[in-house]
Each structure stands twice: as structure tokens, then as C-alpha cells.
Amino acid sequence: MAEHHTGPVETGAPMDYKEHEQTYNMFIAGTKYGTMLLVVLLLAMTAGFFGGAGLLGGLFVFIVLLAAGIFLFR
């Protein structure tokens, strides 16, 4: 059944702050790298479709920019 807490309502149940900070850091990292991945993909598609680089050129741009982004975001 439900737990009955005594004391002010504002305090609530005890929190695991270490786990909360780990979850927050994982969310921030996922957002950062996910956004970087989508930007790199769009730039590679632009180079491949409109820049005249073709499939292999777009793939090369994707790999180079992805490696540079991972290196710079660490």
C-alpha cells in the first residue's frame, strides 16, 4: 500500500541525488551527440546531393565530420 510520510509536503520522499545526476548527464550527452550526428548527416547529404560529391563523397564527408565532432565534443 501507500507509504505515510510525516512532515511537510514540500520535502517529499528522499532522493538519490547521485543517480539523478548520472541520469541528467546521460541525457545531456545523448542530446549533444544526437544533435551533432543529425547536423553531420545533413551536411553530408548536402555535399552528396547538391555539392556534386556523390555517394562516396558524401560518405567521406560524413565520416570525417563525425570523427571531428566526436573529437571536439569530448
PDB file of N, CA and C in Angstrom:
ATOM      1  N   MET A   1       0.820  -1.178   0.000  1.00  0.00           N
ATOM      2  CA  MET A   1       0.000   0.000   0.000  1.00  0.00           C
ATOM      3  C   MET A   1       0.868   1.248   0.000  1.00  0.00           C
ATOM      4  N   ALA A   2       0.244   2.363   0.158  1.00  0.00           N
ATOM      5  CA  ALA A   2       0.951   3.642   0.117  1.00  0.00           C
ATOM      6  C   ALA A   2       1.716   3.876   1.410  1.00  0.00           C
ATOM      7  N   GLU A   3       2.843   4.547   1.264  1.00  0.00           N
ATOM      8  CA  GLU A   3       3.620   4.907   2.442  1.00  0.00           C
ATOM      9  C   GLU A   3       3.057   6.196   3.029  1.00  0.00           C
ATOM     10  N   HIS A   4       3.107   6.298   4.343  1.00  0.00           N
ATOM     11  CA  HIS A   4       2.640   7.504   5.010  1.00  0.00           C
ATOM     12  C   HIS A   4       3.847   8.256   5.525  1.00  0.00           C
ATOM     13  N   HIS A   5       4.069   9.440   4.976  1.00  0.00           N
ATOM     14  CA  HIS A   5       5.188  10.271   5.390  1.00  0.00           C
ATOM     15  C   HIS A   5       4.703  11.318   6.369  1.00  0.00           C
ATOM     16  N   THR A   6       5.532  11.583   7.336  1.00  0.00           N
ATOM     17  CA  THR A   6       5.209  12.660   8.268  1.00  0.00           C
ATOM     18  C   THR A   6       6.123  13.826   7.973  1.00  0.00           C
ATOM     19  N   GLY A   7       5.665  14.991   8.203  1.00  0.00           N
ATOM     20  CA  GLY A   7       6.460  16.181   7.952  1.00  0.00           C
ATOM     21  C   GLY A   7       5.845  17.007   6.833  1.00  0.00           C
ATOM     22  N   PRO A   8       6.536  18.077   6.454  1.00  0.00           N
ATOM     23  CA  PRO A   8       5.999  18.956   5.407  1.00  0.00           C
ATOM     24  C   PRO A   8       5.900  18.243   4.055  1.00  0.00           C
ATOM     25  N   VAL A   9       4.911  18.637   3.284  1.00  0.00           N
ATOM     26  CA  VAL A   9       4.680  18.034   1.973  1.00  0.00           C
ATOM     27  C   VAL A   9       5.787  18.418   1.000  1.00  0.00           C
ATOM     28  N   GLU A  10       6.385  19.585   1.172  1.00  0.00           N
ATOM     29  CA  GLU A  10       7.384  20.086   0.229  1.00  0.00           C
ATOM     30  C   GLU A  10       8.638  19.220   0.181  1.00  0.00           C
ATOM     31  N   THR A  11       8.966  18.561   1.275  1.00  0.00           N
ATOM     32  CA  THR A  11      10.205  17.770   1.297  1.00  0.00           C
ATOM     33  C   THR A  11      10.048  16.474   0.532  1.00  0.00           C
ATOM     34  N   GLY A  12       8.913  15.820   0.620  1.00  0.00           N
ATOM     35  CA  GLY A  12       8.661  14.608  -0.144  1.00  0.00           C
ATOM     36  C   GLY A  12       9.544  13.454   0.296  1.00  0.00           C
ATOM     37  N   ALA A  13       9.635  12.456  -0.543  1.00  0.00           N
ATOM     38  CA  ALA A  13      10.444  11.284  -0.254  1.00  0.00           C
ATOM     39  C   ALA A  13      11.913  11.604  -0.496  1.00  0.00           C
ATOM     40  N   PRO A  14      12.813  10.890   0.150  1.00  0.00           N
ATOM     41  CA  PRO A  14      14.242  11.147  -0.070  1.00  0.00           C
ATOM     42  C   PRO A  14      14.644  10.791  -1.503  1.00  0.00           C
ATOM     43  N   MET A  15      15.572  11.593  -2.076  1.00  0.00           N
ATOM     44  CA  MET A  15      16.017  11.376  -3.456  1.00  0.00           C
ATOM     45  C   MET A  15      17.414  10.790  -3.476  1.00  0.00           C
ATOM     46  N   ASP A  16      17.688  10.025  -4.511  1.00  0.00           N
ATOM     47  CA  ASP A  16      19.028   9.511  -4.752  1.00  0.00           C
ATOM     48  C   ASP A  16      19.713  10.495  -5.698  1.00  0.00           C
ATOM     49  N   TYR A  17      20.428  11.463  -5.135  1.00  0.00           N
ATOM     50  CA  TYR A  17      20.998  12.551  -5.932  1.00  0.00           C
ATOM     51  C   TYR A  17      22.085  12.070  -6.882  1.00  0.00           C
ATOM     52  N   LYS A  18      22.839  11.055  -6.484  1.00  0.00           N
ATOM     53  CA  LYS A  18      23.885  10.536  -7.372  1.00  0.00           C
ATOM     54  C   LYS A  18      23.259   9.947  -8.642  1.00  0.00           C
ATOM     55  N   GLU A  19      22.224   9.164  -8.485  1.00  0.00           N
ATOM     56  CA  GLU A  19      21.534   8.578  -9.642  1.00  0.00           C
ATOM     57  C   GLU A  19      20.868   9.660 -10.485  1.00  0.00           C
ATOM     58  N   HIS A  20      20.325  10.673  -9.845  1.00  0.00           N
ATOM     59  CA  HIS A  20      19.695  11.785 -10.560  1.00  0.00           C
ATOM     60  C   HIS A  20      20.720  12.513 -11.427  1.00  0.00           C
ATOM     61  N   GLU A  21      21.900  12.790 -10.884  1.00  0.00           N
ATOM     62  CA  GLU A  21      22.941  13.476 -11.645  1.00  0.00           C
ATOM     63  C   GLU A  21      23.472  12.614 -12.791  1.00  0.00           C
ATOM     64  N   GLN A  22      23.584  11.304 -12.585  1.00  0.00           N
ATOM     65  CA  GLN A  22      24.019  10.415 -13.664  1.00  0.00           C
ATOM     66  C   GLN A  22      23.000  10.397 -14.806  1.00  0.00           C
ATOM     67  N   THR A  23      21.727  10.353 -14.467  1.00  0.00           N
ATOM     68  CA  THR A  23      20.684  10.370 -15.487  1.00  0.00           C
ATOM     69  C   THR A  23      20.705  11.684 -16.258  1.00  0.00           C
ATOM     70  N   TYR A  24      20.866  12.786 -15.543  1.00  0.00           N
ATOM     71  CA  TYR A  24      20.923  14.106 -16.184  1.00  0.00           C
ATOM     72  C   TYR A  24      22.131  14.198 -17.111  1.00  0.00           C
ATOM     73  N   ASN A  25      23.292  13.732 -16.668  1.00  0.00           N
ATOM     74  CA  ASN A  25      24.493  13.773 -17.507  1.00  0.00           C
ATOM     75  C   ASN A  25      24.345  12.898 -18.746  1.00  0.00           C
ATOM     76  N   MET A  26      23.703  11.733 -18.607  1.00  0.00           N
ATOM     77  CA  MET A  26      23.469  10.878 -19.775  1.00  0.00           C
ATOM     78  C   MET A  26      22.502  11.543 -20.750  1.00  0.00           C
ATOM     79  N   PHE A  27      21.488  12.226 -20.243  1.00  0.00           N
ATOM     80  CA  PHE A  27      20.547  12.929 -21.105  1.00  0.00           C
ATOM     81  C   PHE A  27      21.239  14.056 -21.866  1.00  0.00           C
ATOM     82  N   ILE A  28      22.073  14.831 -21.177  1.00  0.00           N
ATOM     83  CA  ILE A  28      22.797  15.924 -21.830  1.00  0.00           C
ATOM     84  C   ILE A  28      23.747  15.378 -22.892  1.00  0.00           C
ATOM     85  N   ALA A  29      24.466  14.295 -22.591  1.00  0.00           N
ATOM     86  CA  ALA A  29      25.385  13.699 -23.565  1.00  0.00           C
ATOM     87  C   ALA A  29      24.623  13.162 -24.776  1.00  0.00           C
ATOM     88  N   GLY A  30      23.493  12.508 -24.543  1.00  0.00           N
ATOM     89  CA  GLY A  30      22.696  11.991 -25.653  1.00  0.00           C
ATOM     90  C   GLY A  30      22.154  13.099 -26.536  1.00  0.00           C
ATOM     91  N   THR A  31      21.731  14.180 -25.919  1.00  0.00           N
ATOM     92  CA  THR A  31      21.236  15.326 -26.675  1.00  0.00           C
ATOM     93  C   THR A  31      22.353  15.966 -27.489  1.00  0.00           C
ATOM     94  N   LYS A  32      23.521  16.118 -26.870  1.00  0.00           N
ATOM     95  CA  LYS A  32      24.654  16.760 -27.540  1.00  0.00           C
ATOM     96  C   LYS A  32      25.124  15.929 -28.734  1.00  0.00           C
ATOM     97  N   TYR A  33      25.352  14.635 -28.517  1.00  0.00           N
ATOM     98  CA  TYR A  33      25.847  13.798 -29.605  1.00  0.00           C
ATOM     99  C   TYR A  33      24.766  13.508 -30.647  1.00  0.00           C
ATOM    100  N   GLY A  34      23.516  13.417 -30.228  1.00  0.00           N
ATOM    101  CA  GLY A  34      22.433  13.210 -31.189  1.00  0.00           C
ATOM    102  C   GLY A  34      22.258  14.402 -32.115  1.00  0.00           C
ATOM    103  N   THR A  35      22.333  15.606 -31.563  1.00  0.00           N
ATOM    104  CA  THR A  35      22.247  16.813 -32.377  1.00  0.00           C
ATOM    105  C   THR A  35      23.424  16.906 -33.326  1.00  0.00           C
ATOM    106  N   MET A  36      24.621  16.597 -32.827  1.00  0.00           N
ATOM    107  CA  MET A  36      25.810  16.630 -33.674  1.00  0.00           C
ATOM    108  C   MET A  36      25.690  15.616 -34.815  1.00  0.00           C
ATOM    109  N   LEU A  37      25.177  14.430 -34.519  1.00  0.00           N
ATOM    110  CA  LEU A  37      25.016  13.403 -35.544  1.00  0.00           C
ATOM    111  C   LEU A  37      24.049  13.854 -36.637  1.00  0.00           C
ATOM    112  N   LEU A  38      22.935  14.478 -36.253  1.00  0.00           N
ATOM    113  CA  LEU A  38      21.961  14.943 -37.247  1.00  0.00           C
ATOM    114  C   LEU A  38      22.518  16.081 -38.103  1.00  0.00           C
ATOM    115  N   VAL A  39      23.272  16.992 -37.492  1.00  0.00           N
ATOM    116  CA  VAL A  39      23.874  18.092 -38.264  1.00  0.00           C
ATOM    117  C   VAL A  39      24.896  17.545 -39.245  1.00  0.00           C
ATOM    118  N   VAL A  40      25.720  16.595 -38.793  1.00  0.00           N
ATOM    119  CA  VAL A  40      26.726  15.994 -39.680  1.00  0.00           C
ATOM    120  C   VAL A  40      26.038  15.244 -40.822  1.00  0.00           C
ATOM    121  N   LEU A  41      24.965  14.535 -40.522  1.00  0.00           N
ATOM    122  CA  LEU A  41      24.235  13.818 -41.569  1.00  0.00           C
ATOM    123  C   LEU A  41      23.661  14.780 -42.604  1.00  0.00           C
ATOM    124  N   LEU A  42      23.090  15.885 -42.152  1.00  0.00           N
ATOM    125  CA  LEU A  42      22.547  16.866 -43.092  1.00  0.00           C
ATOM    126  C   LEU A  42      23.637  17.507 -43.946  1.00  0.00           C
ATOM    127  N   LEU A  43      24.792  17.797 -43.344  1.00  0.00           N
ATOM    128  CA  LEU A  43      25.900  18.360 -44.124  1.00  0.00           C
ATOM    129  C   LEU A  43      26.425  17.356 -45.156  1.00  0.00           C
ATOM    130  N   ALA A  44      26.507  16.090 -44.771  1.00  0.00           N
ATOM    131  CA  ALA A  44      26.967  15.065 -45.707  1.00  0.00           C
ATOM    132  C   ALA A  44      25.964  14.868 -46.842  1.00  0.00           C
ATOM    133  N   MET A  45      24.674  14.907 -46.510  1.00  0.00           N
ATOM    134  CA  MET A  45      23.663  14.781 -47.561  1.00  0.00           C
ATOM    135  C   MET A  45      23.707  15.983 -48.499  1.00  0.00           C
ATOM    136  N   THR A  46      23.945  17.164 -47.952  1.00  0.00           N
ATOM    137  CA  THR A  46      24.065  18.359 -48.790  1.00  0.00           C
ATOM    138  C   THR A  46      25.256  18.244 -49.724  1.00  0.00           C
ATOM    139  N   ALA A  47      26.389  17.769 -49.202  1.00  0.00           N
ATOM    140  CA  ALA A  47      27.584  17.609 -50.043  1.00  0.00           C
ATOM    141  C   ALA A  47      27.354  16.554 -51.113  1.00  0.00           C
ATOM    142  N   GLY A  48      26.672  15.483 -50.754  1.00  0.00           N
ATOM    143  CA  GLY A  48      26.450  14.404 -51.714  1.00  0.00           C
ATOM    144  C   GLY A  48      25.431  14.740 -52.785  1.00  0.00           C
ATOM    145  N   PHE A  49      24.338  15.383 -52.405  1.00  0.00           N
ATOM    146  CA  PHE A  49      23.263  15.648 -53.353  1.00  0.00           C
ATOM    147  C   PHE A  49      23.472  16.921 -54.158  1.00  0.00           C
ATOM    148  N   PHE A  50      23.847  17.992 -53.487  1.00  0.00           N
ATOM    149  CA  PHE A  50      23.905  19.292 -54.147  1.00  0.00           C
ATOM    150  C   PHE A  50      25.314  19.761 -54.452  1.00  0.00           C
ATOM    151  N   GLY A  51      26.301  19.217 -53.774  1.00  0.00           N
ATOM    152  CA  GLY A  51      27.680  19.648 -53.977  1.00  0.00           C
ATOM    153  C   GLY A  51      28.390  18.880 -55.064  1.00  0.00           C
ATOM    154  N   GLY A  52      27.761  17.875 -55.600  1.00  0.00           N
ATOM    155  CA  GLY A  52      28.371  17.100 -56.661  1.00  0.00           C
ATOM    156  C   GLY A  52      29.349  16.057 -56.171  1.00  0.00           C
ATOM    157  N   ALA A  53      29.377  15.778 -54.869  1.00  0.00           N
ATOM    158  CA  ALA A  53      30.332  14.816 -54.333  1.00  0.00           C
ATOM    159  C   ALA A  53      29.876  13.380 -54.571  1.00  0.00           C
ATOM    160  N   GLY A  54      28.600  13.160 -54.722  1.00  0.00           N
ATOM    161  CA  GLY A  54      28.088  11.824 -54.951  1.00  0.00           C
ATOM    162  C   GLY A  54      28.014  11.019 -53.661  1.00  0.00           C
ATOM    163  N   LEU A  55      27.737   9.738 -53.806  1.00  0.00           N
ATOM    164  CA  LEU A  55      27.560   8.866 -52.649  1.00  0.00           C
ATOM    165  C   LEU A  55      28.850   8.706 -51.861  1.00  0.00           C
ATOM    166  N   LEU A  56      29.926   8.387 -52.528  1.00  0.00           N
ATOM    167  CA  LEU A  56      31.189   8.180 -51.818  1.00  0.00           C
ATOM    168  C   LEU A  56      31.724   9.468 -51.216  1.00  0.00           C
ATOM    169  N   GLY A  57      31.549  10.573 -51.898  1.00  0.00           N
ATOM    170  CA  GLY A  57      31.970  11.857 -51.344  1.00  0.00           C
ATOM    171  C   GLY A  57      31.163  12.243 -50.121  1.00  0.00           C
ATOM    172  N   GLY A  58      29.863  12.014 -50.183  1.00  0.00           N
ATOM    173  CA  GLY A  58      29.004  12.289 -49.032  1.00  0.00           C
ATOM    174  C   GLY A  58      29.346  11.396 -47.851  1.00  0.00           C
ATOM    175  N   LEU A  59      29.645  10.134 -48.132  1.00  0.00           N
ATOM    176  CA  LEU A  59      30.056   9.210 -47.078  1.00  0.00           C
ATOM    177  C   LEU A  59      31.379   9.640 -46.454  1.00  0.00           C
ATOM    178  N   PHE A  60      32.294  10.089 -47.299  1.00  0.00           N
ATOM    179  CA  PHE A  60      33.588  10.579 -46.798  1.00  0.00           C
ATOM    180  C   PHE A  60      33.395  11.818 -45.920  1.00  0.00           C
ATOM    181  N   VAL A  61      32.570  12.749 -46.364  1.00  0.00           N
ATOM    182  CA  VAL A  61      32.289  13.951 -45.575  1.00  0.00           C
ATOM    183  C   VAL A  61      31.648  13.563 -44.251  1.00  0.00           C
ATOM    184  N   PHE A  62      30.724  12.606 -44.276  1.00  0.00           N
ATOM    185  CA  PHE A  62      30.059  12.154 -43.060  1.00  0.00           C
ATOM    186  C   PHE A  62      31.058  11.580 -42.060  1.00  0.00           C
ATOM    187  N   ILE A  63      31.934  10.709 -42.523  1.00  0.00           N
ATOM    188  CA  ILE A  63      32.903  10.069 -41.626  1.00  0.00           C
ATOM    189  C   ILE A  63      33.884  11.083 -41.056  1.00  0.00           C
ATOM    190  N   VAL A  64      34.376  11.985 -41.894  1.00  0.00           N
ATOM    191  CA  VAL A  64      35.345  12.983 -41.428  1.00  0.00           C
ATOM    192  C   VAL A  64      34.700  13.932 -40.419  1.00  0.00           C
ATOM    193  N   LEU A  65      33.514  14.445 -40.722  1.00  0.00           N
ATOM    194  CA  LEU A  65      32.852  15.365 -39.801  1.00  0.00           C
ATOM    195  C   LEU A  65      32.407  14.681 -38.514  1.00  0.00           C
ATOM    196  N   LEU A  66      31.996  13.434 -38.601  1.00  0.00           N
ATOM    197  CA  LEU A  66      31.603  12.692 -37.410  1.00  0.00           C
ATOM    198  C   LEU A  66      32.805  12.482 -36.493  1.00  0.00           C
ATOM    199  N   ALA A  67      33.938  12.091 -37.064  1.00  0.00           N
ATOM    200  CA  ALA A  67      35.148  11.913 -36.258  1.00  0.00           C
ATOM    201  C   ALA A  67      35.596  13.234 -35.639  1.00  0.00           C
ATOM    202  N   ALA A  68      35.531  14.315 -36.400  1.00  0.00           N
ATOM    203  CA  ALA A  68      35.915  15.623 -35.872  1.00  0.00           C
ATOM    204  C   ALA A  68      34.954  16.066 -34.767  1.00  0.00           C
ATOM    205  N   GLY A  69      33.668  15.834 -34.945  1.00  0.00           N
ATOM    206  CA  GLY A  69      32.695  16.214 -33.931  1.00  0.00           C
ATOM    207  C   GLY A  69      32.869  15.440 -32.642  1.00  0.00           C
ATOM    208  N   ILE A  70      33.105  14.146 -32.749  1.00  0.00           N
ATOM    209  CA  ILE A  70      33.327  13.334 -31.542  1.00  0.00           C
ATOM    210  C   ILE A  70      34.594  13.787 -30.840  1.00  0.00           C
ATOM    211  N   PHE A  71      35.640  14.073 -31.600  1.00  0.00           N
ATOM    212  CA  PHE A  71      36.900  14.533 -31.011  1.00  0.00           C
ATOM    213  C   PHE A  71      36.723  15.883 -30.316  1.00  0.00           C
ATOM    214  N   LEU A  72      36.000  16.796 -30.949  1.00  0.00           N
ATOM    215  CA  LEU A  72      35.850  18.142 -30.378  1.00  0.00           C
ATOM    216  C   LEU A  72      34.862  18.189 -29.210  1.00  0.00           C
ATOM    217  N   PHE A  73      33.865  17.305 -29.171  1.00  0.00           N
ATOM    218  CA  PHE A  73      32.869  17.347 -28.106  1.00  0.00           C
ATOM    219  C   PHE A  73      33.305  16.648 -26.830  1.00  0.00           C
ATOM    220  N   ARG A  74      34.413  15.932 -26.861  1.00  0.00           N
ATOM    221  CA  ARG A  74      34.869  15.227 -25.642  1.00  0.00           C
ATOM    222  C   ARG A  74      35.445  16.159 -24.657  1.00  0.00           C
TER     223      ARG A  74
END
